[in-house]
Amino acid sequence: MTTDEPQNDDMRQEHTIHTPNAFSTVKCNHEICFWKLEMGRLDEEAIWNDLIQPVTVLKGGIRDQIRVRARPDGSCSDYTGIVTCCSQSVHVLESGKDWTMIEAYSSADETSDVRIFGSRFEGYVPTSLLKKEEVDRTYGLVVDKLLQKMYVFREGKLFSALSVSTGLAAEDASSLETPAGEFLIVSRVDHFWADDYLVGYGMCINKSIWIHKVPAIRRTEESTGETYMDYDTCESRLGTKGSCGCIRVQRRLTSENVNAKWLYDNLHLKPYTK
């Protein structure tokens, strides 16, 4: 899960409590869910109980996205947000035979025709698109976008914390913000190139948003013409927002011997790690 709510470095300092479902026009009756968590303080049991709950996703390919309608009407062209199929959990507010009311944080990117970036929304999708997914019950992740930390939970306990960089949130770059919400790791790749950036240990959670090792930039030595890989530029920005939406993770080991490669080696695709 990714959240805008603050935790301290070891997730043990209490903060003002904010419950996301307080913003919902329809209150859910789910006993345990992300939208009813008391964000901003550590409650290992509550967080873990949510991390192992099945999720509702929309059917489709891992890069497919659904435009969510403002009204339960197939001819409605008033859209309230974008949901990525397969990997993005949606919060069911009202179920119907033909249409279901959901809420989520919009996953629109710069290629989307619905220009709603990262904000919470409500709307309607065809009920036939809904699908329940079981999740991994060994590991789970929490990403704190305010402190730029990733917390690794293992079998009910906080196991390790890593420094990350999530998407930029400047007014002129809102499409780069990493959306909040719950997501599943649905695809993996050992490495890939993004322009001059070499990206390693990639785990896809939301169309083109990946959890991956802090990237290296391909540079050329002027005096010799030789190319080399520079980690320092991106590594120095860990702990601050600096990506184009992905979640960059430290490559140096924590005291628990956890880093981006460890995540790649240990987190699961089926059942999916949340």
C-alpha atoms as a PDB file:
ATOM      1  CA  MET A   1       0.000   0.000   0.000  1.00  0.00           C
ATOM      2  CA  THR A   2       1.107   3.594  -0.559  1.00  0.00           C
ATOM      3  CA  THR A   3      -0.005   6.389   1.732  1.00  0.00           C
ATOM      4  CA  ASP A   4       0.463  10.118   2.119  1.00  0.00           C
ATOM      5  CA  GLU A   5       0.141   9.803   5.868  1.00  0.00           C
ATOM      6  CA  PRO A   6       3.238  10.425   8.018  1.00  0.00           C
ATOM      7  CA  GLN A   7       5.043   7.776   9.995  1.00  0.00           C
ATOM      8  CA  ASN A   8       8.273   8.452  11.858  1.00  0.00           C
ATOM      9  CA  ASP A   9      11.457   6.582  10.902  1.00  0.00           C
ATOM     10  CA  ASP A  10      10.606   3.530  13.004  1.00  0.00           C
ATOM     11  CA  MET A  11       6.826   3.969  12.666  1.00  0.00           C
ATOM     12  CA  ARG A  12       6.406   4.356  16.423  1.00  0.00           C
ATOM     13  CA  GLN A  13       5.613   8.045  16.994  1.00  0.00           C
ATOM     14  CA  GLU A  14       1.909   8.931  17.131  1.00  0.00           C
ATOM     15  CA  HIS A  15       0.491  11.594  14.803  1.00  0.00           C
ATOM     16  CA  THR A  16      -2.866  13.140  14.092  1.00  0.00           C
ATOM     17  CA  ILE A  17      -5.142  10.362  12.931  1.00  0.00           C
ATOM     18  CA  HIS A  18      -6.781  10.476   9.519  1.00  0.00           C
ATOM     19  CA  THR A  19      -9.143   7.786   8.281  1.00  0.00           C
ATOM     20  CA  PRO A  20      -9.519   7.911   4.457  1.00  0.00           C
ATOM     21  CA  ASN A  21     -13.084   6.544   4.571  1.00  0.00           C
ATOM     22  CA  ALA A  22     -14.122   9.731   6.371  1.00  0.00           C
ATOM     23  CA  PHE A  23     -14.117  11.378   2.930  1.00  0.00           C
ATOM     24  CA  SER A  24     -16.325   8.735   1.322  1.00  0.00           C
ATOM     25  CA  THR A  25     -19.928   9.655   0.637  1.00  0.00           C
ATOM     26  CA  VAL A  26     -20.896   6.035   1.308  1.00  0.00           C
ATOM     27  CA  LYS A  27     -19.484   4.279   4.378  1.00  0.00           C
ATOM     28  CA  CYS A  28     -18.345   0.712   3.858  1.00  0.00           C
ATOM     29  CA  ASN A  29     -19.228  -2.138   6.193  1.00  0.00           C
ATOM     30  CA  HIS A  30     -15.908  -3.941   5.777  1.00  0.00           C
ATOM     31  CA  GLU A  31     -14.505  -4.921   9.151  1.00  0.00           C
ATOM     32  CA  ILE A  32     -10.907  -4.656   7.909  1.00  0.00           C
ATOM     33  CA  CYS A  33      -9.797  -2.514   4.964  1.00  0.00           C
ATOM     34  CA  PHE A  34      -7.224   0.070   3.930  1.00  0.00           C
ATOM     35  CA  TRP A  35      -9.830   2.820   3.915  1.00  0.00           C
ATOM     36  CA  LYS A  36     -10.571   2.358   7.621  1.00  0.00           C
ATOM     37  CA  LEU A  37      -6.992   2.137   8.868  1.00  0.00           C
ATOM     38  CA  GLU A  38      -5.924   4.767  11.369  1.00  0.00           C
ATOM     39  CA  MET A  39      -3.097   6.261   9.348  1.00  0.00           C
ATOM     40  CA  GLY A  40      -0.185   7.999  11.002  1.00  0.00           C
ATOM     41  CA  ARG A  41       0.799   5.611  13.772  1.00  0.00           C
ATOM     42  CA  LEU A  42       2.100   2.106  14.050  1.00  0.00           C
ATOM     43  CA  ASP A  43      -0.411  -0.601  14.771  1.00  0.00           C
ATOM     44  CA  GLU A  44       1.363  -3.686  13.498  1.00  0.00           C
ATOM     45  CA  GLU A  45      -1.655  -5.918  13.962  1.00  0.00           C
ATOM     46  CA  ALA A  46      -4.054  -3.582  12.135  1.00  0.00           C
ATOM     47  CA  ILE A  47      -1.637  -2.949   9.266  1.00  0.00           C
ATOM     48  CA  TRP A  48      -0.828  -6.634   8.863  1.00  0.00           C
ATOM     49  CA  ASN A  49      -4.485  -7.625   8.980  1.00  0.00           C
ATOM     50  CA  ASP A  50      -5.090  -5.267   6.074  1.00  0.00           C
ATOM     51  CA  LEU A  51      -2.002  -6.360   4.137  1.00  0.00           C
ATOM     52  CA  ILE A  52      -3.246  -9.961   4.002  1.00  0.00           C
ATOM     53  CA  GLN A  53      -6.861  -9.179   3.086  1.00  0.00           C
ATOM     54  CA  PRO A  54      -8.022 -10.176  -0.417  1.00  0.00           C
ATOM     55  CA  VAL A  55      -8.545  -7.236  -2.744  1.00  0.00           C
ATOM     56  CA  THR A  56     -11.006  -6.338  -5.477  1.00  0.00           C
ATOM     57  CA  VAL A  57      -9.454  -5.466  -8.819  1.00  0.00           C
ATOM     58  CA  LEU A  58     -10.806  -4.862 -12.318  1.00  0.00           C
ATOM     59  CA  LYS A  59     -10.404  -7.556 -14.957  1.00  0.00           C
ATOM     60  CA  GLY A  60      -7.975  -6.846 -17.754  1.00  0.00           C
ATOM     61  CA  GLY A  61      -4.298  -6.839 -18.695  1.00  0.00           C
ATOM     62  CA  ILE A  62      -1.656  -5.338 -16.432  1.00  0.00           C
ATOM     63  CA  ARG A  63      -1.359  -2.251 -18.663  1.00  0.00           C
ATOM     64  CA  ASP A  64      -5.095  -1.840 -19.309  1.00  0.00           C
ATOM     65  CA  GLN A  65      -6.953   1.000 -17.617  1.00  0.00           C
ATOM     66  CA  ILE A  66     -10.655   1.680 -17.051  1.00  0.00           C
ATOM     67  CA  ARG A  67     -12.295   5.097 -17.086  1.00  0.00           C
ATOM     68  CA  VAL A  68     -14.683   5.277 -14.144  1.00  0.00           C
ATOM     69  CA  ARG A  69     -18.062   6.917 -14.852  1.00  0.00           C
ATOM     70  CA  ALA A  70     -19.792   9.527 -12.737  1.00  0.00           C
ATOM     71  CA  ARG A  71     -23.141   7.738 -13.178  1.00  0.00           C
ATOM     72  CA  PRO A  72     -24.198   4.086 -13.585  1.00  0.00           C
ATOM     73  CA  ASP A  73     -24.882   4.525 -17.270  1.00  0.00           C
ATOM     74  CA  GLY A  74     -22.947   3.077 -20.199  1.00  0.00           C
ATOM     75  CA  SER A  75     -23.560   6.227 -22.241  1.00  0.00           C
ATOM     76  CA  CYS A  76     -22.097   8.498 -19.531  1.00  0.00           C
ATOM     77  CA  SER A  77     -18.962  10.260 -20.767  1.00  0.00           C
ATOM     78  CA  ASP A  78     -18.371  12.155 -17.531  1.00  0.00           C
ATOM     79  CA  TYR A  79     -15.421  10.350 -15.984  1.00  0.00           C
ATOM     80  CA  THR A  80     -14.245  10.739 -12.376  1.00  0.00           C
ATOM     81  CA  GLY A  81     -10.918   8.907 -12.532  1.00  0.00           C
ATOM     82  CA  ILE A  82      -8.776   6.104 -13.950  1.00  0.00           C
ATOM     83  CA  VAL A  83      -8.164   2.627 -12.501  1.00  0.00           C
ATOM     84  CA  THR A  84      -5.443   0.233 -13.648  1.00  0.00           C
ATOM     85  CA  CYS A  85      -6.656  -3.321 -14.220  1.00  0.00           C
ATOM     86  CA  CYS A  86      -5.256  -6.348 -12.440  1.00  0.00           C
ATOM     87  CA  SER A  87      -2.939  -4.542  -9.997  1.00  0.00           C
ATOM     88  CA  GLN A  88      -4.888  -1.621  -8.459  1.00  0.00           C
ATOM     89  CA  SER A  89      -7.309  -2.423  -5.651  1.00  0.00           C
ATOM     90  CA  VAL A  90     -10.651  -0.627  -5.677  1.00  0.00           C
ATOM     91  CA  HIS A  91     -12.807   0.009  -2.623  1.00  0.00           C
ATOM     92  CA  VAL A  92     -16.345  -1.242  -3.190  1.00  0.00           C
ATOM     93  CA  LEU A  93     -18.925   1.151  -1.707  1.00  0.00           C
ATOM     94  CA  GLU A  94     -22.195  -0.113  -3.203  1.00  0.00           C
ATOM     95  CA  SER A  95     -22.691  -3.308  -5.204  1.00  0.00           C
ATOM     96  CA  GLY A  96     -25.386  -3.726  -7.834  1.00  0.00           C
ATOM     97  CA  LYS A  97     -26.319  -6.281 -10.447  1.00  0.00           C
ATOM     98  CA  ASP A  98     -25.100  -4.169 -13.364  1.00  0.00           C
ATOM     99  CA  TRP A  99     -23.051  -1.366 -11.806  1.00  0.00           C
ATOM    100  CA  THR A 100     -20.875  -1.046  -8.706  1.00  0.00           C
ATOM    101  CA  MET A 101     -19.867   2.165  -6.966  1.00  0.00           C
ATOM    102  CA  ILE A 102     -16.163   2.245  -6.083  1.00  0.00           C
ATOM    103  CA  GLU A 103     -13.550   4.633  -4.816  1.00  0.00           C
ATOM    104  CA  ALA A 104      -9.816   4.738  -5.490  1.00  0.00           C
ATOM    105  CA  TYR A 105      -7.000   7.177  -6.234  1.00  0.00           C
ATOM    106  CA  SER A 106      -6.793   8.024  -9.917  1.00  0.00           C
ATOM    107  CA  SER A 107      -3.977   6.323 -11.844  1.00  0.00           C
ATOM    108  CA  ALA A 108      -4.117   8.625 -14.870  1.00  0.00           C
ATOM    109  CA  ASP A 109      -0.727   9.408 -16.403  1.00  0.00           C
ATOM    110  CA  GLU A 110       0.457  11.835 -19.048  1.00  0.00           C
ATOM    111  CA  THR A 111      -0.949   9.609 -21.819  1.00  0.00           C
ATOM    112  CA  SER A 112      -4.464   9.462 -20.316  1.00  0.00           C
ATOM    113  CA  ASP A 113      -7.362  11.339 -21.869  1.00  0.00           C
ATOM    114  CA  VAL A 114      -8.912  11.723 -18.388  1.00  0.00           C
ATOM    115  CA  ARG A 115      -6.661  14.328 -16.783  1.00  0.00           C
ATOM    116  CA  ILE A 116      -7.262  13.455 -13.134  1.00  0.00           C
ATOM    117  CA  PHE A 117      -3.959  12.714 -11.418  1.00  0.00           C
ATOM    118  CA  GLY A 118      -3.541  10.982  -8.071  1.00  0.00           C
ATOM    119  CA  SER A 119      -6.668  12.325  -6.373  1.00  0.00           C
ATOM    120  CA  ARG A 120      -9.313  10.272  -4.569  1.00  0.00           C
ATOM    121  CA  PHE A 121     -12.525   9.782  -6.533  1.00  0.00           C
ATOM    122  CA  GLU A 122     -15.790   7.848  -6.553  1.00  0.00           C
ATOM    123  CA  GLY A 123     -17.664   6.482  -9.530  1.00  0.00           C
ATOM    124  CA  TYR A 124     -19.229   3.504 -11.247  1.00  0.00           C
ATOM    125  CA  VAL A 125     -17.841   0.503 -13.118  1.00  0.00           C
ATOM    126  CA  PRO A 126     -19.660  -2.516 -14.610  1.00  0.00           C
ATOM    127  CA  THR A 127     -20.070  -5.144 -11.905  1.00  0.00           C
ATOM    128  CA  SER A 128     -18.930  -7.796 -14.375  1.00  0.00           C
ATOM    129  CA  LEU A 129     -15.426  -6.257 -14.311  1.00  0.00           C
ATOM    130  CA  LEU A 130     -14.876  -6.926 -10.599  1.00  0.00           C
ATOM    131  CA  LYS A 131     -12.549  -9.726  -9.557  1.00  0.00           C
ATOM    132  CA  LYS A 132     -11.369 -10.912  -6.138  1.00  0.00           C
ATOM    133  CA  GLU A 133      -7.652 -11.631  -5.679  1.00  0.00           C
ATOM    134  CA  GLU A 134      -6.001 -13.426  -2.778  1.00  0.00           C
ATOM    135  CA  VAL A 135      -2.682 -11.970  -1.588  1.00  0.00           C
ATOM    136  CA  ASP A 136       0.615 -13.130  -0.144  1.00  0.00           C
ATOM    137  CA  ARG A 137       0.435 -13.843   3.579  1.00  0.00           C
ATOM    138  CA  THR A 138       4.191 -13.847   4.200  1.00  0.00           C
ATOM    139  CA  TYR A 139       5.257 -10.347   3.166  1.00  0.00           C
ATOM    140  CA  GLY A 140       3.632  -6.948   2.668  1.00  0.00           C
ATOM    141  CA  LEU A 141       4.883  -3.420   1.965  1.00  0.00           C
ATOM    142  CA  VAL A 142       3.858   0.025   3.174  1.00  0.00           C
ATOM    143  CA  VAL A 143       5.247   3.076   1.343  1.00  0.00           C
ATOM    144  CA  ASP A 144       5.102   6.394   3.210  1.00  0.00           C
ATOM    145  CA  LYS A 145       5.249   9.149   0.594  1.00  0.00           C
ATOM    146  CA  LEU A 146       5.735  11.947   3.121  1.00  0.00           C
ATOM    147  CA  LEU A 147       8.790  10.433   4.776  1.00  0.00           C
ATOM    148  CA  GLN A 148       9.873   8.582   1.629  1.00  0.00           C
ATOM    149  CA  LYS A 149      10.223   5.288   3.461  1.00  0.00           C
ATOM    150  CA  MET A 150       9.274   1.731   2.590  1.00  0.00           C
ATOM    151  CA  TYR A 151       8.347  -0.549   5.480  1.00  0.00           C
ATOM    152  CA  VAL A 152       8.653  -4.300   4.958  1.00  0.00           C
ATOM    153  CA  PHE A 153       6.323  -6.485   7.017  1.00  0.00           C
ATOM    154  CA  ARG A 154       6.976 -10.180   7.453  1.00  0.00           C
ATOM    155  CA  GLU A 155       4.482 -12.578   9.019  1.00  0.00           C
ATOM    156  CA  GLY A 156       2.730  -9.878  11.021  1.00  0.00           C
ATOM    157  CA  LYS A 157       5.717  -7.839  12.192  1.00  0.00           C
ATOM    158  CA  LEU A 158       7.626  -4.817  10.939  1.00  0.00           C
ATOM    159  CA  PHE A 159      10.821  -6.370   9.568  1.00  0.00           C
ATOM    160  CA  SER A 160      12.845  -3.610   7.903  1.00  0.00           C
ATOM    161  CA  ALA A 161      12.694  -0.020   6.585  1.00  0.00           C
ATOM    162  CA  LEU A 162      14.276   1.329   3.400  1.00  0.00           C
ATOM    163  CA  SER A 163      14.778   4.749   1.857  1.00  0.00           C
ATOM    164  CA  VAL A 164      12.852   5.408  -1.362  1.00  0.00           C
ATOM    165  CA  SER A 165      12.050   8.096  -3.909  1.00  0.00           C
ATOM    166  CA  THR A 166       8.490   8.296  -5.210  1.00  0.00           C
ATOM    167  CA  GLY A 167       7.070  10.470  -7.995  1.00  0.00           C
ATOM    168  CA  LEU A 168       7.471  14.213  -8.182  1.00  0.00           C
ATOM    169  CA  ALA A 169       4.436  16.189  -7.021  1.00  0.00           C
ATOM    170  CA  ALA A 170       5.135  19.678  -8.391  1.00  0.00           C
ATOM    171  CA  GLU A 171       2.111  21.560  -9.745  1.00  0.00           C
ATOM    172  CA  ASP A 172       3.459  21.399 -13.290  1.00  0.00           C
ATOM    173  CA  ALA A 173       4.234  17.677 -12.966  1.00  0.00           C
ATOM    174  CA  SER A 174       1.174  16.265 -11.234  1.00  0.00           C
ATOM    175  CA  SER A 175       1.015  13.340 -13.665  1.00  0.00           C
ATOM    176  CA  LEU A 176       4.279  12.099 -12.134  1.00  0.00           C
ATOM    177  CA  GLU A 177       2.846  11.698  -8.631  1.00  0.00           C
ATOM    178  CA  THR A 178       2.784   8.124  -7.295  1.00  0.00           C
ATOM    179  CA  PRO A 179      -0.896   7.486  -6.466  1.00  0.00           C
ATOM    180  CA  ALA A 180      -1.911   6.387  -2.991  1.00  0.00           C
ATOM    181  CA  GLY A 181      -3.943   3.241  -2.451  1.00  0.00           C
ATOM    182  CA  GLU A 182      -3.406  -0.511  -2.489  1.00  0.00           C
ATOM    183  CA  PHE A 183      -1.556  -2.305  -5.272  1.00  0.00           C
ATOM    184  CA  LEU A 184      -0.317  -5.775  -6.130  1.00  0.00           C
ATOM    185  CA  ILE A 185       3.037  -6.817  -7.571  1.00  0.00           C
ATOM    186  CA  VAL A 186       1.853  -8.359 -10.834  1.00  0.00           C
ATOM    187  CA  SER A 187       4.961  -8.544 -13.014  1.00  0.00           C
ATOM    188  CA  ARG A 188       8.740  -8.651 -12.667  1.00  0.00           C
ATOM    189  CA  VAL A 189      11.738  -7.960 -14.873  1.00  0.00           C
ATOM    190  CA  ASP A 190      15.423  -8.243 -14.015  1.00  0.00           C
ATOM    191  CA  HIS A 191      16.329  -4.914 -15.620  1.00  0.00           C
ATOM    192  CA  PHE A 192      15.264  -2.480 -18.316  1.00  0.00           C
ATOM    193  CA  TRP A 193      16.387   0.787 -19.867  1.00  0.00           C
ATOM    194  CA  ALA A 194      14.454   4.051 -19.521  1.00  0.00           C
ATOM    195  CA  ASP A 195      16.240   6.534 -21.788  1.00  0.00           C
ATOM    196  CA  ASP A 196      19.736   6.738 -20.258  1.00  0.00           C
ATOM    197  CA  TYR A 197      18.672   5.133 -16.969  1.00  0.00           C
ATOM    198  CA  LEU A 198      19.429   1.479 -16.220  1.00  0.00           C
ATOM    199  CA  VAL A 199      16.681   0.177 -13.929  1.00  0.00           C
ATOM    200  CA  GLY A 200      17.189  -3.061 -12.005  1.00  0.00           C
ATOM    201  CA  TYR A 201      14.956  -5.501 -10.125  1.00  0.00           C
ATOM    202  CA  GLY A 202      11.685  -4.092 -11.415  1.00  0.00           C
ATOM    203  CA  MET A 203       8.333  -5.135  -9.928  1.00  0.00           C
ATOM    204  CA  CYS A 204       5.269  -3.650 -11.619  1.00  0.00           C
ATOM    205  CA  ILE A 205       2.424  -2.393  -9.388  1.00  0.00           C
ATOM    206  CA  ASN A 206       0.481   0.039 -11.593  1.00  0.00           C
ATOM    207  CA  LYS A 207       0.764   0.032 -15.416  1.00  0.00           C
ATOM    208  CA  SER A 208       4.084   1.879 -15.871  1.00  0.00           C
ATOM    209  CA  ILE A 209       4.820   2.332 -12.149  1.00  0.00           C
ATOM    210  CA  TRP A 210       7.425  -0.041 -10.784  1.00  0.00           C
ATOM    211  CA  ILE A 211       9.185  -0.735  -7.514  1.00  0.00           C
ATOM    212  CA  HIS A 212      12.855  -0.996  -8.481  1.00  0.00           C
ATOM    213  CA  LYS A 213      16.446  -0.441  -7.466  1.00  0.00           C
ATOM    214  CA  VAL A 214      17.666   3.143  -7.517  1.00  0.00           C
ATOM    215  CA  PRO A 215      18.616   3.636 -11.176  1.00  0.00           C
ATOM    216  CA  ALA A 216      22.008   4.313 -12.678  1.00  0.00           C
ATOM    217  CA  ILE A 217      22.522   6.967 -15.346  1.00  0.00           C
ATOM    218  CA  ARG A 218      24.669   6.134 -18.355  1.00  0.00           C
ATOM    219  CA  ARG A 219      27.324   8.838 -18.688  1.00  0.00           C
ATOM    220  CA  THR A 220      30.291   9.409 -20.966  1.00  0.00           C
ATOM    221  CA  GLU A 221      33.763  10.340 -19.717  1.00  0.00           C
ATOM    222  CA  GLU A 222      34.741  13.386 -21.777  1.00  0.00           C
ATOM    223  CA  SER A 223      38.471  12.730 -21.698  1.00  0.00           C
ATOM    224  CA  THR A 224      38.287   9.108 -22.833  1.00  0.00           C
ATOM    225  CA  GLY A 225      34.873   8.791 -24.474  1.00  0.00           C
ATOM    226  CA  GLU A 226      34.156   5.724 -22.354  1.00  0.00           C
ATOM    227  CA  THR A 227      30.700   5.216 -20.877  1.00  0.00           C
ATOM    228  CA  TYR A 228      30.071   4.377 -17.229  1.00  0.00           C
ATOM    229  CA  MET A 229      27.101   3.924 -14.884  1.00  0.00           C
ATOM    230  CA  ASP A 230      26.520   6.645 -12.297  1.00  0.00           C
ATOM    231  CA  TYR A 231      24.382   5.692  -9.264  1.00  0.00           C
ATOM    232  CA  ASP A 232      25.363   8.751  -7.202  1.00  0.00           C
ATOM    233  CA  THR A 233      22.946  11.216  -8.816  1.00  0.00           C
ATOM    234  CA  CYS A 234      19.787   9.223  -8.114  1.00  0.00           C
ATOM    235  CA  GLU A 235      21.087   7.696  -4.903  1.00  0.00           C
ATOM    236  CA  SER A 236      21.670  11.136  -3.396  1.00  0.00           C
ATOM    237  CA  ARG A 237      17.955  11.890  -3.870  1.00  0.00           C
ATOM    238  CA  LEU A 238      16.717   8.890  -1.900  1.00  0.00           C
ATOM    239  CA  GLY A 239      14.505  10.116   0.908  1.00  0.00           C
ATOM    240  CA  THR A 240      12.997  12.812  -1.349  1.00  0.00           C
ATOM    241  CA  LYS A 241      10.501  12.728  -4.206  1.00  0.00           C
ATOM    242  CA  GLY A 242      12.454  12.418  -7.416  1.00  0.00           C
ATOM    243  CA  SER A 243      11.066   9.813  -9.815  1.00  0.00           C
ATOM    244  CA  CYS A 244       8.573   9.907 -12.670  1.00  0.00           C
ATOM    245  CA  GLY A 245       6.100   7.848 -10.629  1.00  0.00           C
ATOM    246  CA  CYS A 246       8.078   4.695  -9.837  1.00  0.00           C
ATOM    247  CA  ILE A 247       9.267   3.801  -6.343  1.00  0.00           C
ATOM    248  CA  ARG A 248      13.062   3.802  -6.299  1.00  0.00           C
ATOM    249  CA  VAL A 249      14.540   1.663  -3.513  1.00  0.00           C
ATOM    250  CA  GLN A 250      17.984   1.758  -1.943  1.00  0.00           C
ATOM    251  CA  ARG A 251      20.577  -0.749  -3.153  1.00  0.00           C
ATOM    252  CA  ARG A 252      22.591  -0.676   0.066  1.00  0.00           C
ATOM    253  CA  LEU A 253      21.646  -3.321   2.610  1.00  0.00           C
ATOM    254  CA  THR A 254      19.766  -2.451   5.786  1.00  0.00           C
ATOM    255  CA  SER A 255      20.812  -3.992   9.101  1.00  0.00           C
ATOM    256  CA  GLU A 256      18.367  -6.816   8.273  1.00  0.00           C
ATOM    257  CA  ASN A 257      20.167  -7.369   4.930  1.00  0.00           C
ATOM    258  CA  VAL A 258      17.223  -6.005   2.916  1.00  0.00           C
ATOM    259  CA  ASN A 259      17.546  -3.921  -0.249  1.00  0.00           C
ATOM    260  CA  ALA A 260      15.930  -3.716  -3.696  1.00  0.00           C
ATOM    261  CA  LYS A 261      17.452  -7.034  -4.792  1.00  0.00           C
ATOM    262  CA  TRP A 262      16.174  -8.730  -1.633  1.00  0.00           C
ATOM    263  CA  LEU A 263      12.647  -7.519  -2.443  1.00  0.00           C
ATOM    264  CA  TYR A 264      12.970  -8.872  -5.986  1.00  0.00           C
ATOM    265  CA  ASP A 265      14.182 -12.230  -4.703  1.00  0.00           C
ATOM    266  CA  ASN A 266      11.606 -12.664  -1.920  1.00  0.00           C
ATOM    267  CA  LEU A 267       8.306 -11.001  -2.858  1.00  0.00           C
ATOM    268  CA  HIS A 268       5.692 -13.018  -4.713  1.00  0.00           C
ATOM    269  CA  LEU A 269       3.626 -12.866  -7.886  1.00  0.00           C
ATOM    270  CA  LYS A 270       1.082 -15.592  -7.080  1.00  0.00           C
ATOM    271  CA  PRO A 271      -0.373 -15.039  -4.637  1.00  0.00           C
ATOM    272  CA  TYR A 272       0.513 -11.411  -5.194  1.00  0.00           C
ATOM    273  CA  THR A 273       2.392  -9.379  -2.579  1.00  0.00           C
ATOM    274  CA  LYS A 274       0.373  -6.306  -1.597  1.00  0.00           C
END
